[in-house]
Amino acid sequence: MQRFYLYFTALLISTAAFANSACDKPKDDFDGLYCLNKVYSEADAELNENYKKLVAKLDSTGKTRLKKRQLAWIEHRNTSCSKHDADGFFVNLNCATTETIKRAQLLQDRYRECVSSGCQNSKL
């Protein structure tokens, strides 16, 4: 039987994200998991959008470096936020969401730099 471990800590998400939603006060762990998954999915979509915008601004060296760094980040996120054991596979969605939000912000910052002052491959 698989167990789900949910770690609820404060996330820096706007109150509007939960407006008119049952996610404001989940009834049980499964409702909490559903809500956390919604937030993670949105963060992941933002990350993918930021990645695509940034890669479009980079030269070939920058694209290669960004791809390498993104794959390393995915490995870091997976190692930090999940585990396998005899009971199954566990994902700490709060951890994955927090890491994804941080990475999406970093990509957004690099994009902003590219637009304003030119891309700096060393910062990728």
N, C-alpha and C. Protein backbone atom coordinates (compact mmCIF):
# COMPACT_ATOMS: atom_id res chain seq x y z
N MET A 1 0.84 -1.17 0.00
CA MET A 1 0.00 0.00 0.00
C MET A 1 0.89 1.24 0.00
N GLN A 2 0.62 2.12 -0.93
CA GLN A 2 1.43 3.34 -0.99
C GLN A 2 0.90 4.38 -0.02
N ARG A 3 1.82 5.05 0.62
CA ARG A 3 1.46 6.15 1.52
C ARG A 3 1.91 7.45 0.89
N PHE A 4 1.17 8.47 1.12
CA PHE A 4 1.53 9.79 0.61
C PHE A 4 1.97 10.66 1.79
N TYR A 5 3.12 11.26 1.62
CA TYR A 5 3.62 12.18 2.62
C TYR A 5 3.45 13.59 2.08
N LEU A 6 2.68 14.36 2.75
CA LEU A 6 2.46 15.74 2.32
C LEU A 6 3.10 16.67 3.33
N TYR A 7 3.85 17.55 2.83
CA TYR A 7 4.49 18.54 3.69
C TYR A 7 3.89 19.89 3.35
N PHE A 8 3.08 20.42 4.27
CA PHE A 8 2.43 21.69 4.03
C PHE A 8 3.21 22.79 4.71
N THR A 9 3.85 23.60 3.93
CA THR A 9 4.49 24.79 4.44
C THR A 9 4.02 25.95 3.59
N ALA A 10 4.28 27.12 4.08
CA ALA A 10 3.82 28.30 3.36
C ALA A 10 4.53 28.42 2.02
N LEU A 11 3.76 28.57 0.97
CA LEU A 11 4.29 28.82 -0.37
C LEU A 11 3.96 30.27 -0.70
N LEU A 12 4.84 30.85 -1.47
CA LEU A 12 4.59 32.21 -1.89
C LEU A 12 3.71 32.20 -3.13
N ILE A 13 2.41 31.99 -2.89
CA ILE A 13 1.45 31.99 -3.97
C ILE A 13 0.37 33.01 -3.63
N SER A 14 -0.13 33.65 -4.62
CA SER A 14 -1.13 34.68 -4.35
C SER A 14 -2.41 34.06 -3.82
N THR A 15 -3.09 34.82 -3.00
CA THR A 15 -4.36 34.39 -2.44
C THR A 15 -5.37 34.18 -3.55
N ALA A 16 -5.22 34.93 -4.62
CA ALA A 16 -6.16 34.81 -5.74
C ALA A 16 -6.14 33.41 -6.34
N ALA A 17 -5.02 32.71 -6.24
CA ALA A 17 -4.93 31.36 -6.81
C ALA A 17 -5.93 30.42 -6.15
N PHE A 18 -6.27 30.70 -4.91
CA PHE A 18 -7.21 29.83 -4.22
C PHE A 18 -8.60 30.45 -4.05
N ALA A 19 -8.81 31.63 -4.61
CA ALA A 19 -10.09 32.30 -4.47
C ALA A 19 -11.20 31.41 -5.03
N ASN A 20 -12.32 31.41 -4.34
CA ASN A 20 -13.48 30.62 -4.75
C ASN A 20 -13.13 29.16 -5.00
N SER A 21 -12.28 28.60 -4.15
CA SER A 21 -11.80 27.25 -4.36
C SER A 21 -11.86 26.45 -3.07
N ALA A 22 -12.10 25.18 -3.21
CA ALA A 22 -12.07 24.28 -2.06
C ALA A 22 -10.65 24.12 -1.54
N CYS A 23 -9.69 24.59 -2.28
CA CYS A 23 -8.30 24.46 -1.87
C CYS A 23 -7.94 25.40 -0.72
N ASP A 24 -8.81 26.34 -0.44
CA ASP A 24 -8.55 27.24 0.68
C ASP A 24 -8.51 26.47 1.99
N LYS A 25 -9.39 25.50 2.13
CA LYS A 25 -9.44 24.66 3.34
C LYS A 25 -9.74 23.22 2.93
N PRO A 26 -8.69 22.49 2.50
CA PRO A 26 -8.92 21.10 2.08
C PRO A 26 -9.51 20.27 3.24
N LYS A 27 -10.43 19.38 2.90
CA LYS A 27 -11.10 18.55 3.91
C LYS A 27 -10.20 17.44 4.44
N ASP A 28 -9.34 16.91 3.59
CA ASP A 28 -8.49 15.80 3.99
C ASP A 28 -7.22 15.79 3.15
N ASP A 29 -6.37 14.82 3.37
CA ASP A 29 -5.08 14.75 2.67
C ASP A 29 -5.25 14.60 1.16
N PHE A 30 -6.29 13.90 0.72
CA PHE A 30 -6.48 13.71 -0.71
C PHE A 30 -6.91 15.01 -1.38
N ASP A 31 -7.74 15.81 -0.70
CA ASP A 31 -8.07 17.13 -1.22
C ASP A 31 -6.83 18.01 -1.24
N GLY A 32 -6.02 17.92 -0.20
CA GLY A 32 -4.77 18.68 -0.15
C GLY A 32 -3.83 18.29 -1.28
N LEU A 33 -3.74 16.99 -1.55
CA LEU A 33 -2.91 16.49 -2.64
C LEU A 33 -3.41 17.02 -3.98
N TYR A 34 -4.71 16.99 -4.17
CA TYR A 34 -5.31 17.51 -5.40
C TYR A 34 -4.95 18.99 -5.59
N CYS A 35 -5.08 19.76 -4.53
CA CYS A 35 -4.79 21.20 -4.61
C CYS A 35 -3.30 21.46 -4.85
N LEU A 36 -2.46 20.73 -4.14
CA LEU A 36 -1.02 20.90 -4.31
C LEU A 36 -0.62 20.52 -5.74
N ASN A 37 -1.25 19.50 -6.28
CA ASN A 37 -0.96 19.10 -7.66
C ASN A 37 -1.36 20.20 -8.65
N LYS A 38 -2.47 20.88 -8.39
CA LYS A 38 -2.89 21.98 -9.26
C LYS A 38 -1.84 23.10 -9.26
N VAL A 39 -1.32 23.42 -8.08
CA VAL A 39 -0.31 24.47 -7.97
C VAL A 39 0.97 24.02 -8.68
N TYR A 40 1.37 22.76 -8.46
CA TYR A 40 2.57 22.24 -9.13
C TYR A 40 2.41 22.30 -10.65
N SER A 41 1.26 21.88 -11.15
CA SER A 41 1.02 21.87 -12.60
C SER A 41 1.14 23.27 -13.19
N GLU A 42 0.62 24.26 -12.48
CA GLU A 42 0.71 25.64 -12.95
C GLU A 42 2.17 26.12 -12.93
N ALA A 43 2.90 25.78 -11.88
CA ALA A 43 4.31 26.17 -11.79
C ALA A 43 5.12 25.51 -12.91
N ASP A 44 4.83 24.26 -13.20
CA ASP A 44 5.53 23.54 -14.26
C ASP A 44 5.22 24.15 -15.63
N ALA A 45 3.98 24.55 -15.86
CA ALA A 45 3.61 25.20 -17.12
C ALA A 45 4.36 26.53 -17.26
N GLU A 46 4.46 27.28 -16.17
CA GLU A 46 5.20 28.55 -16.19
C GLU A 46 6.68 28.30 -16.48
N LEU A 47 7.24 27.28 -15.85
CA LEU A 47 8.63 26.93 -16.09
C LEU A 47 8.87 26.63 -17.57
N ASN A 48 8.01 25.82 -18.16
CA ASN A 48 8.14 25.46 -19.58
C ASN A 48 8.02 26.68 -20.48
N GLU A 49 7.10 27.57 -20.17
CA GLU A 49 6.93 28.79 -20.95
C GLU A 49 8.19 29.67 -20.85
N ASN A 50 8.72 29.83 -19.64
CA ASN A 50 9.92 30.64 -19.45
C ASN A 50 11.12 30.03 -20.17
N TYR A 51 11.22 28.71 -20.15
CA TYR A 51 12.31 28.01 -20.84
C TYR A 51 12.24 28.30 -22.35
N LYS A 52 11.05 28.16 -22.93
CA LYS A 52 10.88 28.37 -24.37
C LYS A 52 11.20 29.81 -24.76
N LYS A 53 10.75 30.77 -23.95
CA LYS A 53 11.04 32.18 -24.24
C LYS A 53 12.54 32.45 -24.18
N LEU A 54 13.21 31.89 -23.19
CA LEU A 54 14.64 32.11 -23.03
C LEU A 54 15.43 31.44 -24.15
N VAL A 55 15.14 30.21 -24.45
CA VAL A 55 15.90 29.48 -25.46
C VAL A 55 15.81 30.19 -26.82
N ALA A 56 14.70 30.84 -27.09
CA ALA A 56 14.53 31.56 -28.35
C ALA A 56 15.46 32.76 -28.47
N LYS A 57 15.96 33.27 -27.35
CA LYS A 57 16.85 34.43 -27.34
C LYS A 57 18.33 34.06 -27.38
N LEU A 58 18.66 32.80 -27.15
CA LEU A 58 20.05 32.39 -26.98
C LEU A 58 20.73 32.00 -28.29
N ASP A 59 22.05 32.16 -28.31
CA ASP A 59 22.84 31.65 -29.42
C ASP A 59 23.04 30.15 -29.20
N SER A 60 23.72 29.48 -30.13
CA SER A 60 23.86 28.02 -30.02
C SER A 60 24.61 27.60 -28.76
N THR A 61 25.63 28.36 -28.37
CA THR A 61 26.37 28.04 -27.14
C THR A 61 25.46 28.17 -25.92
N GLY A 62 24.67 29.21 -25.89
CA GLY A 62 23.73 29.41 -24.79
C GLY A 62 22.67 28.33 -24.73
N LYS A 63 22.17 27.93 -25.89
CA LYS A 63 21.15 26.87 -25.94
C LYS A 63 21.71 25.56 -25.39
N THR A 64 22.94 25.24 -25.78
CA THR A 64 23.57 24.01 -25.31
C THR A 64 23.78 24.07 -23.80
N ARG A 65 24.26 25.20 -23.31
CA ARG A 65 24.50 25.36 -21.87
C ARG A 65 23.19 25.30 -21.09
N LEU A 66 22.14 25.97 -21.59
CA LEU A 66 20.85 25.97 -20.90
C LEU A 66 20.28 24.56 -20.82
N LYS A 67 20.35 23.82 -21.92
CA LYS A 67 19.83 22.45 -21.92
C LYS A 67 20.57 21.59 -20.90
N LYS A 68 21.88 21.71 -20.86
CA LYS A 68 22.68 20.94 -19.91
C LYS A 68 22.31 21.31 -18.47
N ARG A 69 22.17 22.59 -18.21
CA ARG A 69 21.82 23.06 -16.86
C ARG A 69 20.39 22.65 -16.49
N GLN A 70 19.49 22.65 -17.46
CA GLN A 70 18.11 22.27 -17.18
C GLN A 70 18.03 20.78 -16.83
N LEU A 71 18.76 19.95 -17.55
CA LEU A 71 18.79 18.52 -17.23
C LEU A 71 19.39 18.27 -15.85
N ALA A 72 20.43 19.03 -15.50
CA ALA A 72 21.02 18.92 -14.16
C ALA A 72 20.03 19.36 -13.10
N TRP A 73 19.26 20.42 -13.39
CA TRP A 73 18.26 20.90 -12.44
C TRP A 73 17.17 19.83 -12.24
N ILE A 74 16.71 19.21 -13.32
CA ILE A 74 15.69 18.16 -13.23
C ILE A 74 16.19 17.03 -12.33
N GLU A 75 17.44 16.62 -12.52
CA GLU A 75 18.02 15.57 -11.69
C GLU A 75 18.06 16.00 -10.22
N HIS A 76 18.46 17.24 -9.97
CA HIS A 76 18.49 17.78 -8.61
C HIS A 76 17.09 17.77 -7.99
N ARG A 77 16.10 18.27 -8.74
CA ARG A 77 14.73 18.29 -8.23
C ARG A 77 14.24 16.88 -7.91
N ASN A 78 14.48 15.96 -8.82
CA ASN A 78 14.02 14.59 -8.61
C ASN A 78 14.70 13.94 -7.40
N THR A 79 15.99 14.17 -7.25
CA THR A 79 16.73 13.60 -6.13
C THR A 79 16.29 14.22 -4.80
N SER A 80 16.07 15.53 -4.83
CA SER A 80 15.70 16.25 -3.60
C SER A 80 14.26 16.03 -3.18
N CYS A 81 13.38 15.80 -4.13
CA CYS A 81 11.95 15.83 -3.85
C CYS A 81 11.23 14.49 -4.02
N SER A 82 11.98 13.42 -4.24
CA SER A 82 11.32 12.11 -4.38
C SER A 82 12.23 11.01 -3.88
N LYS A 83 11.64 9.86 -3.65
CA LYS A 83 12.42 8.70 -3.23
C LYS A 83 11.67 7.42 -3.56
N HIS A 84 12.42 6.35 -3.68
CA HIS A 84 11.88 5.00 -3.85
C HIS A 84 12.24 4.22 -2.59
N ASP A 85 11.31 3.41 -2.12
CA ASP A 85 11.64 2.45 -1.07
C ASP A 85 10.73 1.24 -1.23
N ALA A 86 10.78 0.35 -0.28
CA ALA A 86 10.03 -0.90 -0.38
C ALA A 86 8.52 -0.67 -0.48
N ASP A 87 8.04 0.45 0.05
CA ASP A 87 6.60 0.74 0.02
C ASP A 87 6.15 1.42 -1.27
N GLY A 88 7.08 1.90 -2.06
CA GLY A 88 6.69 2.54 -3.32
C GLY A 88 7.52 3.76 -3.65
N PHE A 89 6.98 4.58 -4.50
CA PHE A 89 7.61 5.80 -4.97
C PHE A 89 6.91 6.97 -4.34
N PHE A 90 7.67 7.89 -3.76
CA PHE A 90 7.09 9.01 -3.03
C PHE A 90 7.59 10.32 -3.62
N VAL A 91 6.69 11.26 -3.78
CA VAL A 91 7.05 12.59 -4.26
C VAL A 91 6.56 13.59 -3.23
N ASN A 92 7.45 14.47 -2.81
CA ASN A 92 7.09 15.57 -1.93
C ASN A 92 6.69 16.72 -2.86
N LEU A 93 5.39 16.88 -3.08
CA LEU A 93 4.91 17.87 -4.03
C LEU A 93 5.22 19.30 -3.59
N ASN A 94 5.26 19.53 -2.30
CA ASN A 94 5.60 20.87 -1.83
C ASN A 94 7.03 21.20 -2.24
N CYS A 95 7.93 20.27 -2.05
CA CYS A 95 9.33 20.44 -2.46
C CYS A 95 9.42 20.65 -3.97
N ALA A 96 8.76 19.81 -4.74
CA ALA A 96 8.81 19.91 -6.20
C ALA A 96 8.24 21.24 -6.67
N THR A 97 7.18 21.69 -6.04
CA THR A 97 6.57 22.96 -6.41
C THR A 97 7.50 24.12 -6.09
N THR A 98 8.07 24.11 -4.89
CA THR A 98 8.99 25.18 -4.49
C THR A 98 10.19 25.23 -5.43
N GLU A 99 10.79 24.08 -5.73
CA GLU A 99 11.94 24.03 -6.62
C GLU A 99 11.58 24.50 -8.03
N THR A 100 10.40 24.15 -8.49
CA THR A 100 9.95 24.53 -9.83
C THR A 100 9.70 26.03 -9.91
N ILE A 101 9.11 26.59 -8.88
CA ILE A 101 8.87 28.04 -8.85
C ILE A 101 10.20 28.79 -8.86
N LYS A 102 11.16 28.32 -8.07
CA LYS A 102 12.48 28.97 -8.05
C LYS A 102 13.15 28.89 -9.42
N ARG A 103 13.08 27.75 -10.07
CA ARG A 103 13.71 27.59 -11.38
C ARG A 103 13.00 28.44 -12.43
N ALA A 104 11.67 28.49 -12.38
CA ALA A 104 10.92 29.32 -13.33
C ALA A 104 11.32 30.78 -13.17
N GLN A 105 11.51 31.23 -11.94
CA GLN A 105 11.92 32.61 -11.68
C GLN A 105 13.32 32.87 -12.23
N LEU A 106 14.23 31.92 -12.02
CA LEU A 106 15.58 32.08 -12.54
C LEU A 106 15.57 32.21 -14.07
N LEU A 107 14.79 31.37 -14.73
CA LEU A 107 14.69 31.43 -16.19
C LEU A 107 14.08 32.76 -16.63
N GLN A 108 13.08 33.23 -15.90
CA GLN A 108 12.46 34.53 -16.20
C GLN A 108 13.48 35.65 -16.04
N ASP A 109 14.30 35.59 -15.01
CA ASP A 109 15.34 36.60 -14.79
C ASP A 109 16.35 36.60 -15.92
N ARG A 110 16.78 35.41 -16.38
CA ARG A 110 17.74 35.33 -17.48
C ARG A 110 17.11 35.88 -18.76
N TYR A 111 15.84 35.59 -18.99
CA TYR A 111 15.14 36.13 -20.16
C TYR A 111 15.11 37.66 -20.11
N ARG A 112 14.78 38.18 -18.95
CA ARG A 112 14.72 39.64 -18.77
C ARG A 112 16.08 40.27 -19.07
N GLU A 113 17.16 39.62 -18.63
CA GLU A 113 18.50 40.11 -18.93
C GLU A 113 18.77 40.09 -20.43
N CYS A 114 18.38 39.02 -21.08
CA CYS A 114 18.58 38.91 -22.53
C CYS A 114 17.90 40.06 -23.26
N VAL A 115 16.69 40.36 -22.87
CA VAL A 115 15.92 41.41 -23.53
C VAL A 115 16.51 42.79 -23.24
N SER A 116 16.94 43.01 -22.00
CA SER A 116 17.36 44.35 -21.62
C SER A 116 18.83 44.65 -21.93
N SER A 117 19.73 43.72 -21.65
CA SER A 117 21.15 44.03 -21.79
C SER A 117 21.94 42.98 -22.55
N GLY A 118 21.27 41.99 -23.09
CA GLY A 118 21.95 40.93 -23.82
C GLY A 118 22.10 39.68 -22.98
N CYS A 119 22.10 38.55 -23.64
CA CYS A 119 22.20 37.26 -22.95
C CYS A 119 23.62 37.03 -22.43
N GLN A 120 23.70 36.56 -21.22
CA GLN A 120 24.97 36.24 -20.60
C GLN A 120 25.01 34.74 -20.36
N ASN A 121 25.63 34.02 -21.28
CA ASN A 121 25.66 32.56 -21.19
C ASN A 121 26.26 32.06 -19.88
N SER A 122 27.15 32.84 -19.29
CA SER A 122 27.79 32.43 -18.04
C SER A 122 26.79 32.35 -16.89
N LYS A 123 25.64 33.01 -17.00
CA LYS A 123 24.64 33.00 -15.94
C LYS A 123 23.61 31.89 -16.11
N LEU A 124 23.73 31.14 -17.17
CA LEU A 124 22.74 30.08 -17.41
C LEU A 124 23.06 28.89 -16.55
